[in-house]
Amino acid sequence: MIPPSMHFAAVSRRPGGRWTARYEFAPSGPVEAHGASREEALERLRLELGRRSGRDAHEVSLGVRTLPRSETGWSGV
């Protein structure tokens, strides 16, 4: 069983070297965060998911899958 605070995110390196972390299943729609590093993007995503769920960021666990850019189909930077 997945704990209620567990979220599964996909991360991808974008053109120009920045990273995007994306969580698809938020009630209000997909949540994206960007950063100069993979870790920064994931931490920003954790903070945003915590804010939206009313939890502290340290209570939000992320399962992560790194995707090649060609598999994301994401628009944006």
N, C-alpha and C. Protein backbone atom coordinates (compact mmCIF):
# COMPACT_ATOMS: atom_id res chain seq x y z
N MET A 1 0.84 -1.19 0.00
CA MET A 1 0.00 0.00 0.00
C MET A 1 0.88 1.24 0.00
N ILE A 2 0.52 2.23 -0.80
CA ILE A 2 1.27 3.47 -0.90
C ILE A 2 0.77 4.43 0.16
N PRO A 3 1.69 4.99 0.97
CA PRO A 3 1.26 5.96 1.99
C PRO A 3 0.61 7.17 1.32
N PRO A 4 -0.35 7.83 1.99
CA PRO A 4 -1.04 8.96 1.39
C PRO A 4 -0.09 10.09 1.00
N SER A 5 1.07 10.17 1.63
CA SER A 5 2.00 11.25 1.32
C SER A 5 3.00 10.87 0.22
N MET A 6 2.86 9.66 -0.38
CA MET A 6 3.77 9.23 -1.44
C MET A 6 3.25 9.71 -2.79
N HIS A 7 4.11 10.36 -3.53
CA HIS A 7 3.78 10.86 -4.86
C HIS A 7 4.82 10.33 -5.83
N PHE A 8 4.41 10.03 -7.05
CA PHE A 8 5.33 9.54 -8.07
C PHE A 8 5.53 10.63 -9.10
N ALA A 9 6.77 11.03 -9.28
CA ALA A 9 7.11 12.13 -10.18
C ALA A 9 8.00 11.63 -11.31
N ALA A 10 7.91 12.31 -12.42
CA ALA A 10 8.81 12.07 -13.54
C ALA A 10 9.73 13.28 -13.64
N VAL A 11 11.01 13.04 -13.89
CA VAL A 11 11.95 14.14 -14.08
C VAL A 11 12.62 13.99 -15.43
N SER A 12 12.94 15.13 -16.01
CA SER A 12 13.56 15.14 -17.34
C SER A 12 14.46 16.37 -17.45
N ARG A 13 15.57 16.18 -18.12
CA ARG A 13 16.45 17.31 -18.41
C ARG A 13 15.94 18.01 -19.66
N ARG A 14 15.82 19.31 -19.58
CA ARG A 14 15.24 20.11 -20.65
C ARG A 14 16.34 20.70 -21.52
N PRO A 15 15.97 21.22 -22.69
CA PRO A 15 16.95 21.93 -23.51
C PRO A 15 17.57 23.06 -22.69
N GLY A 16 18.83 23.26 -22.84
CA GLY A 16 19.50 24.30 -22.07
C GLY A 16 20.01 23.81 -20.73
N GLY A 17 19.74 22.55 -20.39
CA GLY A 17 20.30 21.97 -19.17
C GLY A 17 19.44 22.05 -17.92
N ARG A 18 18.32 22.77 -17.95
CA ARG A 18 17.47 22.83 -16.75
C ARG A 18 16.68 21.53 -16.62
N TRP A 19 16.18 21.28 -15.43
CA TRP A 19 15.43 20.06 -15.13
C TRP A 19 13.99 20.41 -14.80
N THR A 20 13.08 19.49 -15.15
CA THR A 20 11.66 19.61 -14.81
C THR A 20 11.25 18.36 -14.04
N ALA A 21 10.55 18.57 -12.94
CA ALA A 21 9.93 17.48 -12.19
C ALA A 21 8.43 17.69 -12.31
N ARG A 22 7.71 16.62 -12.61
CA ARG A 22 6.27 16.74 -12.88
C ARG A 22 5.50 15.64 -12.16
N TYR A 23 4.41 16.05 -11.54
CA TYR A 23 3.49 15.14 -10.88
C TYR A 23 2.15 15.30 -11.59
N GLU A 24 1.64 14.22 -12.16
CA GLU A 24 0.46 14.28 -13.03
C GLU A 24 -0.89 14.22 -12.32
N PHE A 25 -0.95 13.71 -11.11
CA PHE A 25 -2.24 13.30 -10.55
C PHE A 25 -2.78 14.20 -9.45
N ALA A 26 -2.40 15.44 -9.44
CA ALA A 26 -2.94 16.37 -8.46
C ALA A 26 -4.39 16.69 -8.81
N PRO A 27 -5.27 16.85 -7.82
CA PRO A 27 -6.68 17.15 -8.10
C PRO A 27 -6.85 18.42 -8.94
N SER A 28 -5.95 19.36 -8.78
CA SER A 28 -6.06 20.62 -9.52
C SER A 28 -5.32 20.59 -10.85
N GLY A 29 -4.79 19.44 -11.23
CA GLY A 29 -4.06 19.32 -12.49
C GLY A 29 -2.59 19.05 -12.24
N PRO A 30 -1.83 18.85 -13.32
CA PRO A 30 -0.41 18.54 -13.17
C PRO A 30 0.35 19.64 -12.42
N VAL A 31 1.35 19.22 -11.67
CA VAL A 31 2.21 20.15 -10.94
C VAL A 31 3.61 19.99 -11.51
N GLU A 32 4.23 21.10 -11.90
CA GLU A 32 5.59 21.08 -12.41
C GLU A 32 6.46 22.00 -11.58
N ALA A 33 7.72 21.62 -11.46
CA ALA A 33 8.72 22.47 -10.82
C ALA A 33 9.99 22.36 -11.64
N HIS A 34 10.75 23.43 -11.67
CA HIS A 34 11.96 23.50 -12.47
C HIS A 34 13.14 23.85 -11.59
N GLY A 35 14.32 23.41 -12.00
CA GLY A 35 15.53 23.75 -11.26
C GLY A 35 16.77 23.58 -12.10
N ALA A 36 17.86 24.12 -11.62
CA ALA A 36 19.14 24.01 -12.30
C ALA A 36 19.70 22.60 -12.22
N SER A 37 19.24 21.84 -11.22
CA SER A 37 19.68 20.45 -11.06
C SER A 37 18.45 19.57 -10.85
N ARG A 38 18.66 18.29 -11.02
CA ARG A 38 17.59 17.31 -10.78
C ARG A 38 17.07 17.45 -9.34
N GLU A 39 18.01 17.54 -8.41
CA GLU A 39 17.65 17.62 -6.99
C GLU A 39 16.86 18.90 -6.67
N GLU A 40 17.26 20.01 -7.29
CA GLU A 40 16.55 21.26 -7.05
C GLU A 40 15.12 21.18 -7.59
N ALA A 41 14.95 20.63 -8.77
CA ALA A 41 13.60 20.49 -9.33
C ALA A 41 12.73 19.60 -8.44
N LEU A 42 13.30 18.49 -7.96
CA LEU A 42 12.53 17.59 -7.09
C LEU A 42 12.19 18.25 -5.75
N GLU A 43 13.12 19.00 -5.20
CA GLU A 43 12.84 19.68 -3.93
C GLU A 43 11.74 20.74 -4.11
N ARG A 44 11.79 21.46 -5.20
CA ARG A 44 10.74 22.45 -5.46
C ARG A 44 9.39 21.77 -5.66
N LEU A 45 9.38 20.63 -6.32
CA LEU A 45 8.13 19.88 -6.49
C LEU A 45 7.61 19.40 -5.14
N ARG A 46 8.51 18.90 -4.30
CA ARG A 46 8.12 18.44 -2.96
C ARG A 46 7.50 19.59 -2.16
N LEU A 47 8.11 20.77 -2.24
CA LEU A 47 7.58 21.94 -1.54
C LEU A 47 6.18 22.31 -2.05
N GLU A 48 6.00 22.29 -3.36
CA GLU A 48 4.71 22.65 -3.94
C GLU A 48 3.64 21.61 -3.59
N LEU A 49 3.98 20.33 -3.66
CA LEU A 49 3.01 19.30 -3.28
C LEU A 49 2.66 19.40 -1.80
N GLY A 50 3.64 19.70 -0.97
CA GLY A 50 3.37 19.90 0.45
C GLY A 50 2.42 21.07 0.67
N ARG A 51 2.69 22.16 -0.01
CA ARG A 51 1.84 23.35 0.12
C ARG A 51 0.41 23.04 -0.29
N ARG A 52 0.25 22.33 -1.40
CA ARG A 52 -1.10 22.03 -1.91
C ARG A 52 -1.83 21.01 -1.05
N SER A 53 -1.09 20.13 -0.38
CA SER A 53 -1.74 19.09 0.42
C SER A 53 -1.85 19.46 1.90
N GLY A 54 -1.28 20.60 2.29
CA GLY A 54 -1.32 21.02 3.69
C GLY A 54 -0.32 20.28 4.56
N ARG A 55 0.70 19.69 3.95
CA ARG A 55 1.73 18.96 4.70
C ARG A 55 3.04 19.74 4.64
N ASP A 56 3.91 19.44 5.59
CA ASP A 56 5.27 19.96 5.51
C ASP A 56 5.99 19.21 4.40
N ALA A 57 6.92 19.88 3.72
CA ALA A 57 7.63 19.27 2.60
C ALA A 57 8.35 17.99 3.02
N HIS A 58 8.87 17.94 4.26
CA HIS A 58 9.59 16.73 4.69
C HIS A 58 8.66 15.53 4.88
N GLU A 59 7.35 15.76 4.89
CA GLU A 59 6.38 14.66 4.99
C GLU A 59 5.98 14.11 3.63
N VAL A 60 6.40 14.76 2.56
CA VAL A 60 6.04 14.34 1.20
C VAL A 60 7.17 13.46 0.65
N SER A 61 6.84 12.22 0.34
CA SER A 61 7.81 11.31 -0.25
C SER A 61 7.59 11.25 -1.75
N LEU A 62 8.68 11.24 -2.51
CA LEU A 62 8.57 11.17 -3.95
C LEU A 62 9.21 9.88 -4.46
N GLY A 63 8.46 9.13 -5.24
CA GLY A 63 9.04 8.07 -6.06
C GLY A 63 9.37 8.73 -7.38
N VAL A 64 10.53 8.44 -7.95
CA VAL A 64 11.00 9.20 -9.10
C VAL A 64 11.34 8.28 -10.26
N ARG A 65 10.94 8.72 -11.45
CA ARG A 65 11.33 8.06 -12.69
C ARG A 65 11.95 9.12 -13.58
N THR A 66 13.18 8.90 -14.03
CA THR A 66 13.85 9.83 -14.92
C THR A 66 13.53 9.44 -16.36
N LEU A 67 13.00 10.39 -17.10
CA LEU A 67 12.59 10.14 -18.49
C LEU A 67 13.52 10.86 -19.45
N PRO A 68 13.85 10.22 -20.58
CA PRO A 68 14.52 10.97 -21.64
C PRO A 68 13.57 12.02 -22.17
N ARG A 69 14.07 13.14 -22.60
CA ARG A 69 13.23 14.23 -23.08
C ARG A 69 12.27 13.76 -24.17
N SER A 70 12.71 12.85 -25.01
CA SER A 70 11.87 12.40 -26.11
C SER A 70 10.63 11.65 -25.65
N GLU A 71 10.61 11.17 -24.42
CA GLU A 71 9.46 10.40 -23.91
C GLU A 71 8.47 11.23 -23.12
N THR A 72 8.79 12.48 -22.83
CA THR A 72 7.92 13.24 -21.94
C THR A 72 6.68 13.76 -22.65
N GLY A 73 6.83 14.25 -23.86
CA GLY A 73 5.70 14.88 -24.54
C GLY A 73 5.26 16.17 -23.88
N TRP A 74 6.09 16.73 -22.98
CA TRP A 74 5.74 17.96 -22.27
C TRP A 74 6.05 19.14 -23.14
N SER A 75 5.20 20.12 -23.07
CA SER A 75 5.54 21.40 -23.69
C SER A 75 6.10 22.29 -22.58
N GLY A 76 6.57 23.39 -22.92
CA GLY A 76 7.14 24.29 -21.92
C GLY A 76 8.63 24.15 -21.85
N VAL A 77 9.23 24.87 -20.93
CA VAL A 77 10.69 24.90 -20.83
C VAL A 77 11.15 24.11 -19.63
